[in-house]
Amino acid sequence: MGKIKELPLEQRPYDRAVEYGVESLTDVELLAVLLRSGTKDVNVINLAYKILEGNGEGFGINSIFHHNMEKLLSIKGVGKVKAVQILALGEFCKRAWERKNIKKSISFASPDVVANYYKESIRHLEVEELRIVFLDTRQRPISDMVISVGTVNSSLVSVREILIESLKHLAVNVILLHNHPSGDPSPSKADIDITKDINKALDSIGIELIDHIVIGDNCYYSFKEQGII
């Protein structure tokens, strides 16, 4: 009885997650969902339990950070595929945690910091993508989101949506950011016009647009540095 669907109904984490939400699952059940199946000798719940027993680091979800390939393969029921899945899960969690902490500590007070933070994720895009970055009182990023995809102009960008999202995220300041697939970050007339419209709208609700940065091929253009806003 290795697969989750072969477990008694009350022990099936999939069904409990659907009915009560994934937050209702224990650490063992969460890992069992990701593993999907055990072996003919060890069901998936027991296998997840064995993995979370750790290796001298104590029982619990943090034990996945202390495993390596050799230790995982020593657990009955864990083959190379499952070992890689578990190691990948640990690495994924570590990266998410690190990036969350980076966002908490970084300040977007200068255009070059913003450009360096985002350039690798957007400079190779084949279409223009306009993002808005929500900042707190210390100009640290709260969150960001894509506002429009395609040429940046007033017909595609919803100023109303920008206002709603800025208030929803409790932003004090915001930064606009978009890429130019051509590699040349020089703003178009449409870029300048929509920036002025958004700046005026945000100002009316007490939120400051501190910059609009256009990312090119390993270079950027800052409206703030150029005195446009």
Foldseek 3Di string as FASTA:
>chain_A
DWALVPDPPVPRLVVCCVVPNNVPDFQLNVVLVLLGTFDPVAHSSRQSQVQQCADPPHGDDCSLLVDDLVRQCVRPRDDPVNRVSSVVVNVVVVVVVVVVVCLVPDAPPDPVVVCVVCQVVAQQDQWKWKKKFFAAPRRRTQDMDTQFTHDQAPVTGDLVVVQVVNVVSVGQEMEMEMEDNVQDADDDPRRLVVVVVSQVVCVVVNHHHQWYWYGGNPDIDICNVVVSD
